Each structure stands twice: as C-alpha cells, then as structure tokens.
Amino acid sequence: MIKRTLATLASVALFASAGSAFAEDTTFTVAANTSSVSFTSDAPLETITGTAADISGTITTDLANPTSTTATITVPLASLRTGVDMRDEHLRGADWLGTEDGTDQDIQFTISGVTVPDGTTFAHGTQVDATVTGTIRINGQTQDLSAPASVGYFVLEEGQVAYLAGPVLRVSSEFEVDIADFGINVPGPLEMKVAETVGVSVRLTATGPSDTEG
C-alpha cells in the first residue's frame, strides 16, 4: 500500500544511523547516478512499467540513534519514462500525476521516524530491516506512510567502486500505491488498461562525509 513507499526513505535514514560511533547529526546525500524508482501497473489488458531517475535528497541522522533519522527524497516527474512518449506526457499531466497549475511536478517522500530492533548497530557489510514512518506527496496531495525497508551499510575505499567512496547507504523497498488515495481516478475507457493499485520498487544509494566512521 502507499504506506510502504516510505520504506525507501526510511531505509536510507536507517543506514546512516546504524554504522557509526558518533552521537551527532550526520547528513547523507542521495547519489542520482546509482538511485532509481520503478513502477508497474498490471491491469487486466495491459502491463505498463516505468522508471524515474535524477532522484535527489538528503538523510540526516544521529549515527548512534537511528530512531532520530529524518529525510526528504524528491523524484522529478520530468524523468519518468514508460517507453511511450505520448503516454509519458499524459502521466505528467493534471489528469494523472501532475497538478492543474503545474507547480507541484515532483513526487516527494519525507521520513520523520525509524524503528529498528533493540541493540541494532551497523558495520561495514551489514543489512538491517526497519520500519519507517512519514509522508508521501503525489499529484499535490499528501498521505501518511508507514512501511518496511531493507538497509545496507558499506564503507568503501577510493576506487573500490565506480562513482562511490566512503560511507554508503543502500536502501531497497517494494510497496504498492493506491492511486485513488491521491485523487487520481482512472477514466472508464482505461479501467482495463490502468491498474488502481501500482507496484513500486525503490533503490536508493546515499553517500556520507568521508570522515564518517562505520
């Protein structure tokens, strides 16, 4: 359900908090070139898949206290691609994901809290399951969210992995969104071709300051 969307954001936040000895706020920045969001609309007569890129955002956390994590992730509608240009234009329009005045053309996730098992810590190569809470904004409308997420923490040496170095958070999340919750209604002629519930897959990579320990 919609509420799982937050999983993505939350995951990142969780990563940051888990892998350090510092009891102070640390900010991780989402790496656009290694992050993506994809969706699948699986209706009776047609399956539509799409991807979005150019994702941006930050996660701020006390590395010794993951529950204090906050984050904001933005997915620009302009980067949405389904393989059909005309369909992409329609999806970005006011009848679907955009707003009438065109002023709210992004999807935004906001994380306000993270829950992890007692005693959870992060070190290089660890993977942790968490629950995140916050909001998601689509089509100019905002809904509360709560979702599971999987987060991995890595400390990379310079040149070990292309485009990445230092402390890295990798977040994975799978969830569903009910488009009616955001005021999006499927026209009668398209009911057999556009699903009311859309599956979303989020893969986020975020990098922290080089002096962050893990």
C-alpha atoms as a PDB file:
ATOM      1  CA  MET A   1       0.000   0.000   0.000  1.00  0.00           C
ATOM      2  CA  ILE A   2       1.018   3.596  -0.217  1.00  0.00           C
ATOM      3  CA  LYS A   3       2.384   3.390   3.183  1.00  0.00           C
ATOM      4  CA  ARG A   4       5.271   1.300   2.037  1.00  0.00           C
ATOM      5  CA  THR A   5       6.645   3.951  -0.180  1.00  0.00           C
ATOM      6  CA  LEU A   6       8.285   5.479   2.753  1.00  0.00           C
ATOM      7  CA  ALA A   7      10.296   2.352   3.044  1.00  0.00           C
ATOM      8  CA  THR A   8      12.737   3.791   0.651  1.00  0.00           C
ATOM      9  CA  LEU A   9      13.404   6.948   2.507  1.00  0.00           C
ATOM     10  CA  ALA A  10      13.369   5.249   5.788  1.00  0.00           C
ATOM     11  CA  SER A  11      15.874   2.742   4.639  1.00  0.00           C
ATOM     12  CA  VAL A  12      18.354   5.361   3.794  1.00  0.00           C
ATOM     13  CA  ALA A  13      17.856   7.055   7.091  1.00  0.00           C
ATOM     14  CA  LEU A  14      18.328   3.823   8.882  1.00  0.00           C
ATOM     15  CA  PHE A  15      21.565   3.141   7.127  1.00  0.00           C
ATOM     16  CA  ALA A  16      23.049   6.367   8.160  1.00  0.00           C
ATOM     17  CA  SER A  17      22.251   5.894  11.767  1.00  0.00           C
ATOM     18  CA  ALA A  18      23.403   2.371  12.021  1.00  0.00           C
ATOM     19  CA  GLY A  19      27.007   2.448  11.158  1.00  0.00           C
ATOM     20  CA  SER A  20      28.839   4.961  13.243  1.00  0.00           C
ATOM     21  CA  ALA A  21      30.280   5.720  16.620  1.00  0.00           C
ATOM     22  CA  PHE A  22      29.435   9.431  16.508  1.00  0.00           C
ATOM     23  CA  ALA A  23      26.498  10.633  18.612  1.00  0.00           C
ATOM     24  CA  GLU A  24      25.770  13.671  16.441  1.00  0.00           C
ATOM     25  CA  ASP A  25      23.825  14.505  13.306  1.00  0.00           C
ATOM     26  CA  THR A  26      25.340  13.323  10.028  1.00  0.00           C
ATOM     27  CA  THR A  27      23.908  14.074   6.585  1.00  0.00           C
ATOM     28  CA  PHE A  28      23.957  11.574   3.706  1.00  0.00           C
ATOM     29  CA  THR A  29      23.272  12.726   0.139  1.00  0.00           C
ATOM     30  CA  VAL A  30      21.359  10.616  -2.387  1.00  0.00           C
ATOM     31  CA  ALA A  31      23.506   9.689  -5.404  1.00  0.00           C
ATOM     32  CA  ALA A  32      21.362  10.254  -8.511  1.00  0.00           C
ATOM     33  CA  ASN A  33      23.514   8.138 -10.817  1.00  0.00           C
ATOM     34  CA  THR A  34      23.045   4.994  -8.694  1.00  0.00           C
ATOM     35  CA  SER A  35      19.467   5.505  -7.443  1.00  0.00           C
ATOM     36  CA  SER A  36      16.183   4.760  -9.192  1.00  0.00           C
ATOM     37  CA  VAL A  37      12.455   4.299  -8.715  1.00  0.00           C
ATOM     38  CA  SER A  38      10.390   1.997 -10.916  1.00  0.00           C
ATOM     39  CA  PHE A  39       6.689   1.146 -11.050  1.00  0.00           C
ATOM     40  CA  THR A  40       4.394  -1.472 -12.555  1.00  0.00           C
ATOM     41  CA  SER A  41       0.726  -1.054 -13.422  1.00  0.00           C
ATOM     42  CA  ASP A  42      -0.572  -4.585 -14.023  1.00  0.00           C
ATOM     43  CA  ALA A  43      -4.123  -4.219 -15.366  1.00  0.00           C
ATOM     44  CA  PRO A  44      -6.240  -6.998 -16.954  1.00  0.00           C
ATOM     45  CA  LEU A  45      -5.441  -5.979 -20.529  1.00  0.00           C
ATOM     46  CA  GLU A  46      -2.089  -4.213 -20.250  1.00  0.00           C
ATOM     47  CA  THR A  47       1.038  -4.102 -18.122  1.00  0.00           C
ATOM     48  CA  ILE A  48       2.831  -0.767 -18.009  1.00  0.00           C
ATOM     49  CA  THR A  49       6.291  -0.429 -16.485  1.00  0.00           C
ATOM     50  CA  GLY A  50       8.178   2.793 -15.947  1.00  0.00           C
ATOM     51  CA  THR A  51      11.299   4.219 -14.336  1.00  0.00           C
ATOM     52  CA  ALA A  52      12.279   7.568 -12.867  1.00  0.00           C
ATOM     53  CA  ALA A  53      15.806   8.925 -12.455  1.00  0.00           C
ATOM     54  CA  ASP A  54      17.552  12.110 -11.298  1.00  0.00           C
ATOM     55  CA  ILE A  55      16.438  11.372  -7.735  1.00  0.00           C
ATOM     56  CA  SER A  56      17.715  13.794  -5.107  1.00  0.00           C
ATOM     57  CA  GLY A  57      17.529  14.179  -1.352  1.00  0.00           C
ATOM     58  CA  THR A  58      19.266  14.017   1.998  1.00  0.00           C
ATOM     59  CA  ILE A  59      19.059  11.883   5.118  1.00  0.00           C
ATOM     60  CA  THR A  60      20.054  13.383   8.444  1.00  0.00           C
ATOM     61  CA  THR A  61      20.634  11.118  11.410  1.00  0.00           C
ATOM     62  CA  ASP A  62      22.404  10.649  14.694  1.00  0.00           C
ATOM     63  CA  LEU A  63      24.508   7.639  13.771  1.00  0.00           C
ATOM     64  CA  ALA A  64      24.230   6.302  17.316  1.00  0.00           C
ATOM     65  CA  ASN A  65      20.447   6.666  17.393  1.00  0.00           C
ATOM     66  CA  PRO A  66      18.661   5.559  14.169  1.00  0.00           C
ATOM     67  CA  THR A  67      15.220   6.479  15.535  1.00  0.00           C
ATOM     68  CA  SER A  68      16.099  10.185  15.248  1.00  0.00           C
ATOM     69  CA  THR A  69      16.506   9.970  11.467  1.00  0.00           C
ATOM     70  CA  THR A  70      14.787  12.427   9.139  1.00  0.00           C
ATOM     71  CA  ALA A  71      14.925  12.521   5.353  1.00  0.00           C
ATOM     72  CA  THR A  72      13.471  14.100   2.244  1.00  0.00           C
ATOM     73  CA  ILE A  73      13.636  12.410  -1.164  1.00  0.00           C
ATOM     74  CA  THR A  74      12.432  14.001  -4.399  1.00  0.00           C
ATOM     75  CA  VAL A  75      11.569  12.144  -7.616  1.00  0.00           C
ATOM     76  CA  PRO A  76      11.092  14.538 -10.578  1.00  0.00           C
ATOM     77  CA  LEU A  77       8.167  13.689 -12.842  1.00  0.00           C
ATOM     78  CA  ALA A  78      10.168  15.047 -15.768  1.00  0.00           C
ATOM     79  CA  SER A  79      12.418  11.972 -15.521  1.00  0.00           C
ATOM     80  CA  LEU A  80       9.532   9.473 -15.725  1.00  0.00           C
ATOM     81  CA  ARG A  81       9.760   7.122 -18.727  1.00  0.00           C
ATOM     82  CA  THR A  82       7.481   4.242 -19.781  1.00  0.00           C
ATOM     83  CA  GLY A  83       8.777   3.702 -23.314  1.00  0.00           C
ATOM     84  CA  VAL A  84       5.951   5.656 -24.994  1.00  0.00           C
ATOM     85  CA  ASP A  85       6.485   9.419 -25.256  1.00  0.00           C
ATOM     86  CA  MET A  86       2.802  10.338 -25.534  1.00  0.00           C
ATOM     87  CA  ARG A  87       1.920   8.205 -22.518  1.00  0.00           C
ATOM     88  CA  ASP A  88       4.720   9.825 -20.523  1.00  0.00           C
ATOM     89  CA  GLU A  89       3.334  13.263 -21.368  1.00  0.00           C
ATOM     90  CA  HIS A  90      -0.130  12.213 -20.208  1.00  0.00           C
ATOM     91  CA  LEU A  91       1.220  10.781 -16.936  1.00  0.00           C
ATOM     92  CA  ARG A  92       2.904  14.093 -16.136  1.00  0.00           C
ATOM     93  CA  GLY A  93      -0.318  15.988 -16.866  1.00  0.00           C
ATOM     94  CA  ALA A  94      -3.001  17.255 -14.477  1.00  0.00           C
ATOM     95  CA  ASP A  95      -5.270  14.226 -15.047  1.00  0.00           C
ATOM     96  CA  TRP A  96      -2.656  11.860 -13.627  1.00  0.00           C
ATOM     97  CA  LEU A  97       0.493  12.703 -11.617  1.00  0.00           C
ATOM     98  CA  GLY A  98       0.752  16.444 -12.206  1.00  0.00           C
ATOM     99  CA  THR A  99      -1.293  19.359 -10.867  1.00  0.00           C
ATOM    100  CA  GLU A 100      -3.559  21.775 -12.697  1.00  0.00           C
ATOM    101  CA  ASP A 101      -1.174  24.720 -12.390  1.00  0.00           C
ATOM    102  CA  GLY A 102       1.980  22.672 -12.946  1.00  0.00           C
ATOM    103  CA  THR A 103       3.590  23.896  -9.730  1.00  0.00           C
ATOM    104  CA  ASP A 104       3.908  20.521  -7.986  1.00  0.00           C
ATOM    105  CA  GLN A 105       5.576  18.325 -10.566  1.00  0.00           C
ATOM    106  CA  ASP A 106       7.559  16.067  -8.233  1.00  0.00           C
ATOM    107  CA  ILE A 107       6.901  13.077  -6.015  1.00  0.00           C
ATOM    108  CA  GLN A 108       8.295  13.618  -2.539  1.00  0.00           C
ATOM    109  CA  PHE A 109       8.947  11.268   0.362  1.00  0.00           C
ATOM    110  CA  THR A 110       9.516  12.646   3.831  1.00  0.00           C
ATOM    111  CA  ILE A 111      10.786  10.462   6.694  1.00  0.00           C
ATOM    112  CA  SER A 112      10.107  11.508  10.253  1.00  0.00           C
ATOM    113  CA  GLY A 113      10.891   8.354  12.218  1.00  0.00           C
ATOM    114  CA  VAL A 114      12.589   4.949  12.065  1.00  0.00           C
ATOM    115  CA  THR A 115      12.081   1.845  14.202  1.00  0.00           C
ATOM    116  CA  VAL A 116      14.767  -0.865  14.478  1.00  0.00           C
ATOM    117  CA  PRO A 117      15.237  -3.841  16.824  1.00  0.00           C
ATOM    118  CA  ASP A 118      16.728  -3.005  20.220  1.00  0.00           C
ATOM    119  CA  GLY A 119      20.503  -3.085  20.176  1.00  0.00           C
ATOM    120  CA  THR A 120      20.758  -2.702  16.393  1.00  0.00           C
ATOM    121  CA  THR A 121      24.159  -1.474  15.199  1.00  0.00           C
ATOM    122  CA  PHE A 122      25.706  -1.078  11.775  1.00  0.00           C
ATOM    123  CA  ALA A 123      29.119  -2.005  10.478  1.00  0.00           C
ATOM    124  CA  HIS A 124      30.584  -2.448   7.007  1.00  0.00           C
ATOM    125  CA  GLY A 125      28.614  -5.067   5.074  1.00  0.00           C
ATOM    126  CA  THR A 126      25.650  -5.326   7.439  1.00  0.00           C
ATOM    127  CA  GLN A 127      21.993  -5.492   6.354  1.00  0.00           C
ATOM    128  CA  VAL A 128      19.137  -4.385   8.605  1.00  0.00           C
ATOM    129  CA  ASP A 129      15.341  -4.499   8.408  1.00  0.00           C
ATOM    130  CA  ALA A 130      13.464  -1.441   9.692  1.00  0.00           C
ATOM    131  CA  THR A 131      10.094   0.270   9.787  1.00  0.00           C
ATOM    132  CA  VAL A 132       9.872   3.886   8.703  1.00  0.00           C
ATOM    133  CA  THR A 133       7.144   6.495   9.058  1.00  0.00           C
ATOM    134  CA  GLY A 134       6.489   9.784   7.333  1.00  0.00           C
ATOM    135  CA  THR A 135       4.536  11.107   4.338  1.00  0.00           C
ATOM    136  CA  ILE A 136       4.420  10.838   0.555  1.00  0.00           C
ATOM    137  CA  ARG A 137       3.224  13.585  -1.788  1.00  0.00           C
ATOM    138  CA  ILE A 138       1.885  12.820  -5.273  1.00  0.00           C
ATOM    139  CA  ASN A 139      -0.310  14.955  -7.506  1.00  0.00           C
ATOM    140  CA  GLY A 140      -0.125  17.762  -4.950  1.00  0.00           C
ATOM    141  CA  GLN A 141      -1.709  15.583  -2.256  1.00  0.00           C
ATOM    142  CA  THR A 142      -0.005  14.190   0.841  1.00  0.00           C
ATOM    143  CA  GLN A 143      -0.675  10.902   2.651  1.00  0.00           C
ATOM    144  CA  ASP A 144       0.781   9.470   5.869  1.00  0.00           C
ATOM    145  CA  LEU A 145       3.038   6.467   5.383  1.00  0.00           C
ATOM    146  CA  SER A 146       4.456   3.563   7.378  1.00  0.00           C
ATOM    147  CA  ALA A 147       6.468   0.825   5.697  1.00  0.00           C
ATOM    148  CA  PRO A 148       9.183  -1.839   5.979  1.00  0.00           C
ATOM    149  CA  ALA A 149      12.616  -1.310   4.456  1.00  0.00           C
ATOM    150  CA  SER A 150      15.914  -3.114   3.982  1.00  0.00           C
ATOM    151  CA  VAL A 151      19.081  -1.080   4.504  1.00  0.00           C
ATOM    152  CA  GLY A 152      22.731  -1.917   3.931  1.00  0.00           C
ATOM    153  CA  TYR A 153      25.796  -0.009   5.131  1.00  0.00           C
ATOM    154  CA  PHE A 154      29.215  -0.044   3.477  1.00  0.00           C
ATOM    155  CA  VAL A 155      32.481   1.821   3.879  1.00  0.00           C
ATOM    156  CA  LEU A 156      34.245   1.951   0.505  1.00  0.00           C
ATOM    157  CA  GLU A 157      37.825   2.803  -0.321  1.00  0.00           C
ATOM    158  CA  GLU A 158      38.612   5.289  -3.081  1.00  0.00           C
ATOM    159  CA  GLY A 159      38.454   3.466  -6.445  1.00  0.00           C
ATOM    160  CA  GLN A 160      36.903   0.316  -4.964  1.00  0.00           C
ATOM    161  CA  VAL A 161      33.546   1.012  -6.645  1.00  0.00           C
ATOM    162  CA  ALA A 162      32.934   3.386  -9.561  1.00  0.00           C
ATOM    163  CA  TYR A 163      31.334   6.713  -8.585  1.00  0.00           C
ATOM    164  CA  LEU A 164      31.273   5.856  -4.868  1.00  0.00           C
ATOM    165  CA  ALA A 165      33.655   6.182  -1.941  1.00  0.00           C
ATOM    166  CA  GLY A 166      33.489   6.448   1.833  1.00  0.00           C
ATOM    167  CA  PRO A 167      30.355   5.596   3.870  1.00  0.00           C
ATOM    168  CA  VAL A 168      27.430   4.454   1.707  1.00  0.00           C
ATOM    169  CA  LEU A 169      23.812   3.562   2.439  1.00  0.00           C
ATOM    170  CA  ARG A 170      21.918   1.241   0.104  1.00  0.00           C
ATOM    171  CA  VAL A 171      18.136   1.105   0.517  1.00  0.00           C
ATOM    172  CA  SER A 172      15.725  -1.354  -1.090  1.00  0.00           C
ATOM    173  CA  SER A 173      11.945  -1.266  -0.845  1.00  0.00           C
ATOM    174  CA  GLU A 174       8.953  -2.842  -2.561  1.00  0.00           C
ATOM    175  CA  PHE A 175       5.454  -1.486  -1.937  1.00  0.00           C
ATOM    176  CA  GLU A 176       2.098  -0.674  -3.502  1.00  0.00           C
ATOM    177  CA  VAL A 177       0.321   2.636  -4.038  1.00  0.00           C
ATOM    178  CA  ASP A 178      -3.440   3.063  -4.395  1.00  0.00           C
ATOM    179  CA  ILE A 179      -3.689   5.922  -6.872  1.00  0.00           C
ATOM    180  CA  ALA A 180      -7.183   6.927  -5.714  1.00  0.00           C
ATOM    181  CA  ASP A 181      -5.629   7.988  -2.393  1.00  0.00           C
ATOM    182  CA  PHE A 182      -4.005  10.853  -4.308  1.00  0.00           C
ATOM    183  CA  GLY A 183      -7.084  11.960  -6.171  1.00  0.00           C
ATOM    184  CA  ILE A 184      -6.196  10.049  -9.347  1.00  0.00           C
ATOM    185  CA  ASN A 185      -9.208   8.390 -10.992  1.00  0.00           C
ATOM    186  CA  VAL A 186      -8.946   6.031 -13.952  1.00  0.00           C
ATOM    187  CA  PRO A 187     -11.381   7.016 -16.752  1.00  0.00           C
ATOM    188  CA  GLY A 188     -13.907   4.340 -17.713  1.00  0.00           C
ATOM    189  CA  PRO A 189     -12.342   3.571 -21.142  1.00  0.00           C
ATOM    190  CA  LEU A 190      -8.988   2.849 -19.437  1.00  0.00           C
ATOM    191  CA  GLU A 191     -10.175   0.734 -16.491  1.00  0.00           C
ATOM    192  CA  MET A 192      -8.975  -2.488 -18.136  1.00  0.00           C
ATOM    193  CA  LYS A 193      -5.594  -0.970 -19.072  1.00  0.00           C
ATOM    194  CA  VAL A 194      -4.557   1.009 -15.976  1.00  0.00           C
ATOM    195  CA  ALA A 195      -4.433  -0.618 -12.527  1.00  0.00           C
ATOM    196  CA  GLU A 196      -5.889   1.103  -9.454  1.00  0.00           C
ATOM    197  CA  THR A 197      -3.013  -0.297  -7.403  1.00  0.00           C
ATOM    198  CA  VAL A 198       0.532   0.271  -8.658  1.00  0.00           C
ATOM    199  CA  GLY A 199       3.616  -1.633  -7.519  1.00  0.00           C
ATOM    200  CA  VAL A 200       6.672   0.497  -6.732  1.00  0.00           C
ATOM    201  CA  SER A 201      10.306  -0.520  -6.368  1.00  0.00           C
ATOM    202  CA  VAL A 202      12.825   1.864  -4.838  1.00  0.00           C
ATOM    203  CA  ARG A 203      16.606   1.521  -4.915  1.00  0.00           C
ATOM    204  CA  LEU A 204      18.486   4.347  -3.228  1.00  0.00           C
ATOM    205  CA  THR A 205      22.188   4.917  -2.690  1.00  0.00           C
ATOM    206  CA  ALA A 206      23.320   7.712  -0.355  1.00  0.00           C
ATOM    207  CA  THR A 207      26.844   8.839   0.492  1.00  0.00           C
ATOM    208  CA  GLY A 208      28.098  10.385   3.722  1.00  0.00           C
ATOM    209  CA  PRO A 209      31.042  12.595   4.722  1.00  0.00           C
ATOM    210  CA  SER A 210      34.440  10.966   4.268  1.00  0.00           C
ATOM    211  CA  ASP A 211      35.189  11.348   7.976  1.00  0.00           C
ATOM    212  CA  THR A 212      32.142   9.285   8.995  1.00  0.00           C
ATOM    213  CA  GLU A 213      33.053   6.058  10.751  1.00  0.00           C
ATOM    214  CA  GLY A 214      31.345   2.709  10.239  1.00  0.00           C
END
